[in-house]
């Protein structure tokens, strides 16, 4: 009987232990599910991102460079370099993202805008030649009493320098807008605290630029002895060693301007990823961020240009016309396909409901701009430079 009572007591203890274990396990699972639900509920569903970018713009704005630029001399910077140089662009960027509760999908809309304006005035002079010594020797002209003592030195003033005066006004603006739907594919590549979002969407790009230039220059300087001219042949027979300095040159005047644009839209894809470096997502975390993007845009490419120029021969006896090219204008418009690739890399400080990011970004749009003057000439337009932004999480 005692044995039976002991067995019943053991069974009762085992039953109570099992029930207690099930209760504890159920409580733990319930607590875990509640915590997961709480964490998911606390996660922000909306993110608002605001920032700024500083970008170098290159390509798509050719200078008008007539042949006389090559005659300015090695110590004068070509006006083409002053005309073509694009300023740094600075502007805002923003993004809003929606991360639905209980989903790995992310829907976003982003916009970047940049604008720059630069006015340059360059006044350049070539280095004038040094003083020139001319020796006169004893001569006696027939029929008169002209004579000079040997080795008298005549000093000629310094040569007239070449120059150019360049005034250039350059403006540029660009707008890039993205609408994307992405999914965090995870894949465990970057640890439990990393992310890997693959997205598809639509990209819109608008580029505009305007350039006006005015240039005046003096080239082809030559110094000579006026006594060597045919008109002075008679006097030269009497004064063969006589030296009268003379200078000839050419003056040039040029005005040119252009307006160029691209409006295009097309499908895009992107991959954005991040990996945790240190910290914990519930407090503060430092992450390494990177991404690549590609798009094919379809749109309208336009260019409107004009230029006019004139030149004169100058010298001791005034000016004479060398050429006069009247105003020439061209307007072109064409439907184009523009491939686009880009990428970014940066670092972020992440908080549960906020993020601060610093990074570097580059985007290249192939064949985006018509850079020609009298005929079409296709060039890429690229943007590259640092950016900074801050994101705030809302909802949850």
Foldseek 3Di string as FASTA:
>chain_A
DVVVVVVVVVVVVVVVVVVVVVVVVVVVVVVVVVVVLVVLQLFFFKKKKKWKFKKAKDKFAFFDADPCQVQQDDVDDRVRVVQRHDDIWMDMKIKMWGHDRPFQKIKMKIKTKIKDKDKDKDKDKDDWDDKDKAFAAFDAFPPDGDTDHGGDIDIDDTFDIKIKIKIKIKIKMKMKMWTKMWGFPPPCPFHPPKTKIKIKTKMKMKIKMKMKMKMKIKGDKDKDFPCPDPVNVVVCSRRVRDGDIKIKIKMKIKIKMKMWMKTWMWMKIKMKMKHWDDDDAAAKTKIKIKMKMKTKIKTKIKMKMKMWMWMWMQMDPGIDTPDTGDIDIDIDMDIDIKIKIKMKIWMWMHHSFKIKIKIKIKMKIFQRHQNDHPDGDTMIMMIIGMMIMMMGGDGD
